[in-house]
Amino acid sequence: MTRNLTLMTDLYQLTMMQGYLNSGNQKNVVFDAFYRKNPSGGGYAIAAGLEQVLDYVNQLRFTDEDIEYLKTTGCFTAEFLKYLRSFRFTGDIYAVKEGSVVFPQEPLIKVVAPVMEAQLIETAVLNILNHQSLIATKASRVVYAAQGDGIMEFGLRRAQGPDAGIYGARAAMIGGCVGTSNVLAGRMFGVPVMGTHAHSWIMSFSDEYSAFKEYARLYPNACTLLVDTYDTLKSGVPNAIRVFREMREAGILLKNYGIRLDSGDLAYLSKKARKMLDEAGFTDAVIAASSDLDEYLIDSLKQQEAAIHSWGVGTNLITSGDCPAFGGVYKLVAVEGEDGALIPKIKVSENTQKITNPGNKTFYRVYDKKTGKMKADLITLEEESFDEEDELLLFDPLETWKKTRLIGGTFTMREMLVPVMKNGECIYQSPAVMEIRDYCRQELDTLWEETRRLVNPHKVYVDLSRKLYEIKKELLGGI
């Protein structure tokens, strides 16, 4: 969905741009977009939103209407407005692939561009990256809790507006959902759309049985009946069984059929319903559940051996109910010097976690060669190279006495940042959403189970190369 989002920025981005223009500052700079804390108390995050970031940057154009509006603010000179008329992004962008498992402090997107261009895109880049990464991460946690059961994204009506519903559904699919109720998202992104019916369908008929029977007649190959409108065990399940029996007697092949629970004690009701369905001969009928689910409730229900194997998750997924913001930031890390070389820059804070990593960087993922599981991530300067046959020293950049020496030949390394835009031209073809979903699943499989657990997960270490660490220490010592 292409829209002109050029003015989707904070005012101060434009006022700073005007200041750069007035001062003649056209230097190239490097900005990193990263986050500081995993959402929901988890051990990782999932990067998402890159396709929309690139669409936004590609469409950056100040229209005549945009210029006329900016003129009315009284903030901008005629010279600056004239400059905006021919504005185009001309820089380079590097990013991790969508669906990648990521950790705090790592550059998820790196922008190398003239300062005015890099400054303008900050707000939109963070808006897109923060939202989709948050929902993709939440979805992956819900999917993990379900232990192989299908998760359907049902959150459109509770999302914070149309865009949050549409792109939240996209992100949820990347995080591992099997489908969405959002029809527009299905059309836009080529993902499966799923759903059953509402209580209103049943209430609009004279009785529950008639409602079930008509729904089964219309949708014999996708017949999941909502059984909690009146009385789940005394009315809903018996009427569903009656309809299923009539379908079987009529020679209709029962497939993709079952019941949905949307209220009450889901563990108790599902077990009772399972027993009733099995005794009636419908052992393959699926029991689906909804009702304000999240990863913790699903995990609890699984521990209680609830007879549920399909889950519709809405509000707490599409809003990431327990963690409403991802917290990504966009920081200047290098500035072009007089000789054209990039000079590392650092932001200092009393909060150690808010001190930035300076310089033009990339990062590598280090895997155990035998198991294929992650060992650590290593943030390095862009020009550094490594030989997997050499020993690799990893150390905690805050508690430097914590060290790990990896013997050459026992590990592999993969550079995570890839070029996606060069000289203002997009050079990256985004995969289809379902392909990104498959990649995300592969990424998650490289995590140890201890890192994926919902509570008190094991931390994956993100270390700095010795060279980057020394530059950071030198900059801090010179302040």
Protein backbone atom coordinates (compact mmCIF):
# COMPACT_ATOMS: atom_id res chain seq x y z
CA MET A 1 0.00 0.00 0.00
CA THR A 2 1.93 3.03 -1.27
CA ARG A 3 1.22 6.35 0.42
CA ASN A 4 3.08 9.62 0.69
CA LEU A 5 4.48 9.46 4.22
CA THR A 6 7.12 12.15 3.74
CA LEU A 7 5.61 14.39 6.44
CA MET A 8 5.31 11.48 8.89
CA THR A 9 8.19 12.91 10.86
CA ASP A 10 8.81 14.97 13.96
CA LEU A 11 9.04 18.71 13.46
CA TYR A 12 12.52 18.86 14.87
CA GLN A 13 13.85 16.64 12.10
CA LEU A 14 12.89 19.35 9.61
CA THR A 15 14.16 22.23 11.76
CA MET A 16 17.50 20.42 12.18
CA MET A 17 17.63 19.85 8.43
CA GLN A 18 17.18 23.56 7.88
CA GLY A 19 19.95 24.22 10.38
CA TYR A 20 22.27 21.83 8.53
CA LEU A 21 21.49 23.59 5.25
CA ASN A 22 22.10 27.06 6.70
CA SER A 23 25.41 25.99 8.21
CA GLY A 24 26.54 24.26 5.01
CA ASN A 25 26.73 20.89 6.73
CA GLN A 26 26.41 18.22 4.03
CA LYS A 27 28.71 15.69 5.69
CA ASN A 28 28.07 11.99 5.43
CA VAL A 29 27.13 10.39 8.73
CA VAL A 30 26.27 6.97 10.11
CA PHE A 31 23.17 6.30 12.19
CA ASP A 32 22.31 3.00 13.89
CA ALA A 33 18.78 1.88 14.71
CA PHE A 34 18.85 -0.54 17.64
CA TYR A 35 17.02 -1.35 20.87
CA ARG A 36 18.17 -1.69 24.46
CA LYS A 37 15.87 -4.22 26.13
CA ASN A 38 14.08 -7.35 24.92
CA PRO A 39 10.29 -6.97 25.02
CA SER A 40 8.08 -8.91 27.46
CA GLY A 41 11.07 -9.93 29.56
CA GLY A 42 12.13 -12.32 26.81
CA GLY A 43 15.53 -13.53 25.70
CA TYR A 44 15.44 -12.19 22.13
CA ALA A 45 13.47 -10.15 19.59
CA ILE A 46 12.41 -10.64 15.97
CA ALA A 47 13.31 -7.92 13.45
CA ALA A 48 10.41 -6.96 11.18
CA GLY A 49 9.25 -4.05 9.04
CA LEU A 50 12.17 -3.72 6.62
CA GLU A 51 10.01 -3.93 3.51
CA GLN A 52 7.90 -1.00 4.69
CA VAL A 53 11.01 0.99 5.66
CA LEU A 54 12.36 0.61 2.14
CA ASP A 55 9.00 1.50 0.62
CA TYR A 56 8.95 4.66 2.73
CA VAL A 57 12.47 5.73 1.77
CA ASN A 58 11.79 5.02 -1.91
CA GLN A 59 8.70 7.23 -1.83
CA LEU A 60 10.29 10.24 -0.11
CA ARG A 61 9.05 13.25 -2.09
CA PHE A 62 7.90 16.65 -0.89
CA THR A 63 4.82 17.48 -2.93
CA ASP A 64 3.56 20.98 -3.68
CA GLU A 65 0.90 20.42 -1.01
CA ASP A 66 3.58 19.41 1.50
CA ILE A 67 5.57 22.56 0.75
CA GLU A 68 2.52 24.79 1.05
CA TYR A 69 1.65 23.27 4.40
CA LEU A 70 5.20 23.69 5.74
CA LYS A 71 5.10 27.30 4.66
CA THR A 72 2.09 27.89 6.93
CA THR A 73 4.04 26.79 10.02
CA GLY A 74 6.26 29.87 9.82
CA CYS A 75 9.30 27.76 10.72
CA PHE A 76 11.00 27.50 7.34
CA THR A 77 12.79 29.80 4.93
CA ALA A 78 12.12 30.06 1.21
CA GLU A 79 15.61 28.68 0.58
CA PHE A 80 14.93 25.54 2.64
CA LEU A 81 11.52 24.96 1.07
CA LYS A 82 13.10 25.26 -2.36
CA TYR A 83 15.65 22.62 -1.34
CA LEU A 84 12.87 20.28 -0.24
CA ARG A 85 11.22 20.38 -3.66
CA SER A 86 14.06 18.36 -5.14
CA PHE A 87 14.82 16.26 -2.06
CA ARG A 88 15.68 12.60 -2.64
CA PHE A 89 17.40 10.03 -0.43
CA THR A 90 20.82 9.28 -1.94
CA GLY A 91 22.50 7.28 0.80
CA ASP A 92 23.16 3.64 1.69
CA ILE A 93 21.19 1.43 4.05
CA TYR A 94 22.21 -1.88 5.61
CA ALA A 95 19.85 -4.05 7.62
CA VAL A 96 19.28 -7.44 9.15
CA LYS A 97 16.85 -9.55 7.16
CA GLU A 98 13.26 -9.57 8.33
CA GLY A 99 12.53 -12.51 10.57
CA SER A 100 16.04 -12.46 12.06
CA VAL A 101 16.49 -13.16 15.75
CA VAL A 102 18.17 -10.10 17.26
CA PHE A 103 19.40 -8.84 20.61
CA PRO A 104 19.91 -5.50 22.41
CA GLN A 105 22.52 -3.01 21.17
CA GLU A 106 22.85 -4.58 17.71
CA PRO A 107 22.35 -2.30 14.69
CA LEU A 108 19.18 -3.61 13.05
CA ILE A 109 19.35 -0.86 10.43
CA LYS A 110 22.42 1.21 9.57
CA VAL A 111 22.07 4.39 7.52
CA VAL A 112 25.08 5.95 5.77
CA ALA A 113 24.03 9.17 4.10
CA PRO A 114 24.35 12.96 4.04
CA VAL A 115 23.31 14.22 7.45
CA MET A 116 20.13 15.94 6.25
CA GLU A 117 18.85 12.76 4.60
CA ALA A 118 19.79 10.49 7.48
CA GLN A 119 18.17 12.87 9.95
CA LEU A 120 14.84 13.11 8.14
CA ILE A 121 14.11 9.37 8.05
CA GLU A 122 14.69 8.71 11.77
CA THR A 123 11.09 9.02 12.92
CA ALA A 124 9.47 6.87 10.25
CA VAL A 125 12.18 4.20 10.41
CA LEU A 126 11.65 3.83 14.15
CA ASN A 127 7.86 3.95 13.85
CA ILE A 128 7.84 1.06 11.38
CA LEU A 129 10.65 -0.99 12.90
CA ASN A 130 9.45 -0.65 16.49
CA HIS A 131 5.86 -1.66 15.78
CA GLN A 132 6.41 -4.66 13.56
CA SER A 133 9.37 -5.99 15.56
CA LEU A 134 7.29 -5.77 18.74
CA ILE A 135 4.36 -7.74 17.30
CA ALA A 136 6.56 -10.31 15.54
CA THR A 137 8.37 -10.93 18.83
CA LYS A 138 5.12 -11.29 20.74
CA ALA A 139 3.78 -13.70 18.13
CA SER A 140 6.89 -15.86 18.35
CA ARG A 141 6.42 -16.14 22.12
CA VAL A 142 2.77 -17.11 21.76
CA VAL A 143 3.65 -19.68 19.10
CA TYR A 144 6.36 -21.12 21.35
CA ALA A 145 3.89 -21.48 24.23
CA ALA A 146 1.48 -23.39 21.97
CA GLN A 147 4.07 -26.17 21.45
CA GLY A 148 3.29 -26.81 17.80
CA ASP A 149 -0.42 -25.95 17.82
CA GLY A 150 -1.62 -23.40 15.28
CA ILE A 151 -1.94 -19.77 16.34
CA MET A 152 -4.46 -17.62 14.47
CA GLU A 153 -4.11 -13.82 14.69
CA PHE A 154 -7.56 -12.44 15.62
CA GLY A 155 -6.71 -8.91 16.76
CA LEU A 156 -7.92 -6.46 14.12
CA ARG A 157 -10.83 -5.02 16.10
CA ARG A 158 -8.59 -4.33 19.10
CA ALA A 159 -5.59 -2.92 17.22
CA GLN A 160 -4.67 0.75 17.66
CA GLY A 161 -6.05 1.80 14.30
CA PRO A 162 -6.10 0.38 10.76
CA ASP A 163 -2.35 0.48 10.13
CA ALA A 164 -1.62 -1.29 13.43
CA GLY A 165 -4.14 -3.96 12.49
CA ILE A 166 -2.81 -4.46 8.96
CA TYR A 167 0.92 -4.36 9.63
CA GLY A 168 0.50 -6.01 13.02
CA ALA A 169 -1.08 -8.97 11.20
CA ARG A 170 1.89 -9.01 8.82
CA ALA A 171 4.32 -9.05 11.73
CA ALA A 172 2.32 -11.73 13.54
CA MET A 173 2.59 -13.97 10.50
CA ILE A 174 6.37 -13.42 10.42
CA GLY A 175 6.48 -14.41 14.09
CA GLY A 176 4.88 -17.77 13.31
CA CYS A 177 1.08 -17.48 13.14
CA VAL A 178 -0.66 -19.84 10.72
CA GLY A 179 -3.22 -17.29 9.58
CA THR A 180 -5.06 -14.06 10.30
CA SER A 181 -8.68 -12.99 10.44
CA ASN A 182 -7.69 -9.75 8.68
CA VAL A 183 -8.91 -10.04 5.08
CA LEU A 184 -7.08 -6.95 3.84
CA ALA A 185 -3.81 -8.23 5.29
CA GLY A 186 -4.47 -11.53 3.57
CA ARG A 187 -4.86 -9.80 0.22
CA MET A 188 -1.93 -7.43 0.65
CA PHE A 189 0.61 -9.94 1.93
CA GLY A 190 -0.55 -13.24 0.46
CA VAL A 191 -1.13 -14.92 3.82
CA PRO A 192 -3.92 -17.35 4.85
CA VAL A 193 -7.13 -15.83 6.22
CA MET A 194 -9.07 -17.78 8.84
CA GLY A 195 -12.12 -17.46 11.03
CA THR A 196 -15.33 -19.05 12.25
CA HIS A 197 -18.48 -17.14 13.20
CA ALA A 198 -19.68 -14.88 16.00
CA HIS A 199 -22.24 -15.36 18.75
CA SER A 200 -24.51 -13.02 16.79
CA TRP A 201 -24.82 -15.66 14.04
CA ILE A 202 -26.32 -18.11 16.54
CA MET A 203 -28.46 -15.52 18.30
CA SER A 204 -29.98 -14.43 14.98
CA PHE A 205 -31.61 -17.88 14.57
CA SER A 206 -34.51 -19.27 16.53
CA ASP A 207 -32.26 -21.85 18.19
CA GLU A 208 -28.64 -22.94 18.36
CA TYR A 209 -29.12 -26.16 16.42
CA SER A 210 -30.62 -24.33 13.43
CA ALA A 211 -27.72 -21.87 13.41
CA PHE A 212 -25.16 -24.69 13.46
CA LYS A 213 -26.97 -26.65 10.78
CA GLU A 214 -27.13 -23.68 8.38
CA TYR A 215 -23.47 -22.83 8.95
CA ALA A 216 -22.50 -26.43 8.24
CA ARG A 217 -24.57 -26.39 5.05
CA LEU A 218 -22.78 -23.26 3.85
CA TYR A 219 -19.26 -24.29 4.91
CA PRO A 220 -19.01 -28.08 5.09
CA ASN A 221 -15.22 -28.00 4.56
CA ALA A 222 -14.55 -25.35 7.22
CA CYS A 223 -17.10 -26.07 9.88
CA THR A 224 -15.89 -24.86 13.27
CA LEU A 225 -18.88 -24.13 15.50
CA LEU A 226 -18.83 -21.64 18.39
CA VAL A 227 -20.38 -23.56 21.26
CA ASP A 228 -20.50 -21.17 24.24
CA THR A 229 -23.38 -18.84 23.33
CA TYR A 230 -25.86 -20.41 25.77
CA ASP A 231 -24.45 -23.41 27.64
CA THR A 232 -21.26 -25.02 26.36
CA LEU A 233 -21.67 -28.57 27.69
CA LYS A 234 -25.47 -28.85 27.89
CA SER A 235 -26.32 -27.14 24.61
CA GLY A 236 -23.38 -26.08 22.45
CA VAL A 237 -21.36 -29.29 22.24
CA PRO A 238 -24.43 -31.60 21.98
CA ASN A 239 -25.86 -29.49 19.15
CA ALA A 240 -22.50 -29.48 17.36
CA ILE A 241 -22.31 -33.27 17.67
CA ARG A 242 -25.86 -33.55 16.30
CA VAL A 243 -24.89 -31.50 13.23
CA PHE A 244 -21.65 -33.43 12.71
CA ARG A 245 -23.58 -36.71 12.91
CA GLU A 246 -26.13 -35.52 10.35
CA MET A 247 -23.33 -34.43 8.01
CA ARG A 248 -21.68 -37.84 8.27
CA GLU A 249 -24.98 -39.63 7.69
CA ALA A 250 -25.54 -37.46 4.60
CA GLY A 251 -22.23 -38.68 3.20
CA ILE A 252 -20.43 -35.36 3.69
CA LEU A 253 -16.72 -35.89 4.32
CA LEU A 254 -15.86 -34.21 7.59
CA LYS A 255 -12.61 -32.27 7.37
CA ASN A 256 -11.43 -29.03 8.92
CA TYR A 257 -14.23 -29.24 11.44
CA GLY A 258 -14.65 -28.88 15.18
CA ILE A 259 -15.73 -26.47 17.89
CA ARG A 260 -14.50 -23.19 19.36
CA LEU A 261 -14.56 -22.17 23.01
CA ASP A 262 -14.57 -18.45 23.76
CA SER A 263 -15.31 -18.23 27.48
CA GLY A 264 -15.29 -20.08 30.76
CA ASP A 265 -12.74 -22.46 32.21
CA LEU A 266 -11.01 -23.47 28.99
CA ALA A 267 -9.09 -26.36 30.55
CA TYR A 268 -12.17 -27.94 32.14
CA LEU A 269 -14.53 -27.27 29.23
CA SER A 270 -12.09 -28.52 26.59
CA LYS A 271 -11.51 -31.81 28.42
CA LYS A 272 -15.24 -32.39 28.85
CA ALA A 273 -15.92 -31.43 25.23
CA ARG A 274 -13.14 -33.74 24.02
CA LYS A 275 -14.67 -36.65 25.91
CA MET A 276 -18.11 -35.94 24.43
CA LEU A 277 -16.77 -35.63 20.88
CA ASP A 278 -14.69 -38.80 21.17
CA GLU A 279 -17.58 -40.83 22.56
CA ALA A 280 -19.70 -39.66 19.62
CA GLY A 281 -17.03 -40.88 17.20
CA PHE A 282 -15.59 -37.51 16.24
CA THR A 283 -12.07 -38.09 17.47
CA ASP A 284 -10.54 -35.87 14.78
CA ALA A 285 -12.73 -32.85 15.53
CA VAL A 286 -10.54 -29.90 16.45
CA ILE A 287 -11.14 -27.90 19.60
CA ALA A 288 -10.13 -24.28 19.13
CA ALA A 289 -10.07 -21.59 21.80
CA SER A 290 -10.02 -17.83 22.02
CA SER A 291 -10.86 -15.52 25.00
CA ASP A 292 -8.09 -13.00 25.85
CA LEU A 293 -5.27 -15.47 25.39
CA ASP A 294 -1.56 -14.73 25.63
CA GLU A 295 1.57 -16.84 25.90
CA TYR A 296 1.30 -17.21 29.68
CA LEU A 297 -2.31 -18.39 29.65
CA ILE A 298 -1.65 -20.78 26.77
CA ASP A 299 1.39 -22.15 28.62
CA SER A 300 -0.74 -22.65 31.73
CA LEU A 301 -3.49 -24.40 29.75
CA LYS A 302 -0.93 -26.69 28.12
CA GLN A 303 0.40 -27.60 31.57
CA GLN A 304 -3.18 -28.40 32.64
CA GLU A 305 -3.43 -30.71 29.60
CA ALA A 306 -6.28 -28.74 28.09
CA ALA A 307 -7.66 -30.52 25.02
CA ILE A 308 -7.06 -27.53 22.75
CA HIS A 309 -4.91 -27.63 19.63
CA SER A 310 -5.86 -24.44 17.81
CA TRP A 311 -5.71 -20.97 19.34
CA GLY A 312 -7.16 -17.65 18.25
CA VAL A 313 -5.18 -14.85 19.88
CA GLY A 314 -6.36 -11.26 19.54
CA THR A 315 -5.92 -8.31 21.89
CA ASN A 316 -2.79 -9.41 23.73
CA LEU A 317 -1.04 -10.27 20.47
CA ILE A 318 -1.93 -7.34 18.22
CA THR A 319 -1.23 -4.82 21.02
CA SER A 320 1.53 -6.78 22.78
CA GLY A 321 -0.56 -6.24 25.89
CA ASP A 322 2.13 -6.64 28.55
CA CYS A 323 4.76 -4.62 26.64
CA PRO A 324 3.22 -1.88 24.46
CA ALA A 325 6.46 -0.46 23.02
CA PHE A 326 9.63 -1.92 21.52
CA GLY A 327 11.91 0.94 22.53
CA GLY A 328 14.11 1.13 19.46
CA VAL A 329 16.35 4.20 19.10
CA TYR A 330 18.29 5.83 16.25
CA LYS A 331 21.69 7.24 17.17
CA LEU A 332 24.49 9.06 15.37
CA VAL A 333 27.65 6.91 15.59
CA ALA A 334 30.07 8.41 13.04
CA VAL A 335 30.64 11.67 11.14
CA GLU A 336 32.73 12.29 8.02
CA GLY A 337 35.95 14.17 8.73
CA GLU A 338 37.83 16.68 6.58
CA ASP A 339 39.78 13.87 4.93
CA GLY A 340 36.63 11.91 4.10
CA ALA A 341 37.22 9.28 6.77
CA LEU A 342 34.45 8.48 9.24
CA ILE A 343 35.13 9.68 12.77
CA PRO A 344 33.49 7.56 15.53
CA LYS A 345 31.03 9.42 17.77
CA ILE A 346 29.62 8.37 21.13
CA LYS A 347 26.65 9.37 23.27
CA VAL A 348 27.38 9.24 27.00
CA SER A 349 24.89 8.69 29.79
CA GLU A 350 24.87 8.00 33.51
CA ASN A 351 22.86 4.92 32.53
CA THR A 352 25.46 2.47 31.23
CA GLN A 353 22.96 0.83 28.87
CA LYS A 354 22.41 4.17 27.13
CA ILE A 355 26.06 4.69 26.19
CA THR A 356 26.23 4.03 22.46
CA ASN A 357 28.71 1.91 20.54
CA PRO A 358 30.64 4.27 18.25
CA GLY A 359 31.81 3.91 14.66
CA ASN A 360 30.75 2.41 11.35
CA LYS A 361 29.87 -1.12 12.43
CA THR A 362 28.48 -4.48 11.46
CA PHE A 363 27.91 -7.57 13.55
CA TYR A 364 28.44 -11.29 13.26
CA ARG A 365 26.54 -14.22 14.66
CA VAL A 366 28.76 -16.94 16.09
CA TYR A 367 27.42 -20.51 15.94
CA ASP A 368 28.63 -23.72 17.48
CA LYS A 369 29.78 -25.74 14.48
CA LYS A 370 28.62 -29.06 15.91
CA THR A 371 25.09 -28.12 17.00
CA GLY A 372 24.34 -25.12 14.80
CA LYS A 373 23.16 -23.23 17.90
CA MET A 374 24.08 -19.63 18.67
CA LYS A 375 27.11 -19.00 20.85
CA ALA A 376 27.08 -15.19 20.90
CA ASP A 377 26.91 -12.12 18.70
CA LEU A 378 29.93 -9.94 18.01
CA ILE A 379 29.65 -6.27 17.08
CA THR A 380 32.68 -5.12 15.10
CA LEU A 381 33.95 -2.26 13.01
CA GLU A 382 32.96 -2.66 9.38
CA GLU A 383 36.51 -3.14 8.14
CA GLU A 384 37.34 -5.99 10.51
CA SER A 385 37.55 -9.56 9.23
CA PHE A 386 37.77 -12.90 10.97
CA ASP A 387 39.05 -16.37 10.15
CA GLU A 388 36.96 -19.24 11.49
CA GLU A 389 40.13 -21.35 11.72
CA ASP A 390 41.68 -18.89 14.20
CA GLU A 391 40.92 -18.68 17.91
CA LEU A 392 38.16 -16.17 18.72
CA LEU A 393 38.14 -14.30 22.02
CA LEU A 394 34.74 -13.15 23.25
CA PHE A 395 34.41 -10.93 26.32
CA ASP A 396 31.62 -9.02 28.03
CA PRO A 397 32.07 -5.30 27.19
CA LEU A 398 30.77 -4.27 30.64
CA GLU A 399 32.26 -7.02 32.78
CA THR A 400 35.42 -7.62 30.80
CA TRP A 401 36.73 -10.38 33.06
CA LYS A 402 34.02 -12.64 31.68
CA LYS A 403 35.76 -14.26 28.71
CA THR A 404 35.20 -17.17 26.35
CA ARG A 405 37.86 -18.51 23.99
CA LEU A 406 36.55 -20.42 21.02
CA ILE A 407 38.99 -22.85 19.41
CA GLY A 408 39.50 -22.36 15.69
CA GLY A 409 37.43 -24.75 13.59
CA THR A 410 34.75 -25.23 16.28
CA PHE A 411 32.56 -22.30 15.27
CA THR A 412 31.11 -20.52 12.25
CA MET A 413 30.36 -16.82 11.76
CA ARG A 414 27.69 -15.06 9.72
CA GLU A 415 27.55 -11.34 9.03
CA MET A 416 24.03 -10.19 9.86
CA LEU A 417 23.85 -6.79 8.15
CA VAL A 418 23.24 -6.91 4.41
CA PRO A 419 23.14 -3.98 1.95
CA VAL A 420 19.55 -3.10 1.04
CA MET A 421 19.94 0.35 -0.51
CA LYS A 422 22.93 1.80 -2.40
CA ASN A 423 23.24 5.42 -3.56
CA GLY A 424 19.54 5.90 -2.97
CA GLU A 425 18.53 2.86 -5.05
CA CYS A 426 16.90 -0.18 -3.46
CA ILE A 427 19.01 -3.27 -4.20
CA TYR A 428 17.10 -5.70 -1.98
CA GLN A 429 14.10 -7.78 -3.00
CA SER A 430 11.96 -8.47 0.04
CA PRO A 431 10.75 -12.09 0.23
CA ALA A 432 7.06 -12.93 0.54
CA VAL A 433 5.72 -12.85 4.09
CA MET A 434 5.34 -16.63 4.25
CA GLU A 435 8.97 -17.01 3.17
CA ILE A 436 10.04 -14.59 5.90
CA ARG A 437 7.99 -16.67 8.33
CA ASP A 438 9.91 -19.80 7.31
CA TYR A 439 13.22 -17.96 7.73
CA CYS A 440 12.14 -16.77 11.17
CA ARG A 441 11.36 -20.34 12.19
CA GLN A 442 14.84 -21.40 11.08
CA GLU A 443 16.35 -18.53 13.05
CA LEU A 444 14.45 -19.48 16.19
CA ASP A 445 15.65 -23.07 15.84
CA THR A 446 19.22 -21.84 16.35
CA LEU A 447 18.35 -20.60 19.85
CA TRP A 448 18.87 -22.83 22.85
CA GLU A 449 15.64 -23.72 24.65
CA GLU A 450 16.90 -21.86 27.71
CA THR A 451 16.83 -18.61 25.72
CA ARG A 452 13.30 -19.20 24.40
CA ARG A 453 11.64 -19.92 27.75
CA LEU A 454 9.01 -17.37 28.71
CA VAL A 455 10.26 -16.55 32.20
CA ASN A 456 13.84 -15.78 33.23
CA PRO A 457 15.41 -16.74 29.88
CA HIS A 458 19.12 -17.34 29.43
CA LYS A 459 20.90 -14.28 28.03
CA VAL A 460 22.65 -14.46 24.66
CA TYR A 461 25.78 -12.36 24.95
CA VAL A 462 26.39 -9.48 22.57
CA ASP A 463 30.08 -8.67 22.68
CA LEU A 464 32.33 -6.06 21.12
CA SER A 465 35.45 -6.79 19.13
CA ARG A 466 38.68 -5.80 20.84
CA LYS A 467 39.24 -2.99 18.32
CA LEU A 468 35.75 -1.53 18.80
CA TYR A 469 36.02 -1.86 22.57
CA GLU A 470 39.31 0.07 22.60
CA ILE A 471 37.82 2.90 20.50
CA LYS A 472 34.83 3.12 22.84
CA LYS A 473 37.09 3.14 25.91
CA GLU A 474 39.29 5.84 24.36
CA LEU A 475 36.30 8.06 23.56
CA LEU A 476 34.93 7.65 27.07
CA GLY A 477 38.32 8.42 28.57
CA GLY A 478 38.63 11.61 26.57
CA ILE A 479 35.43 13.12 27.93
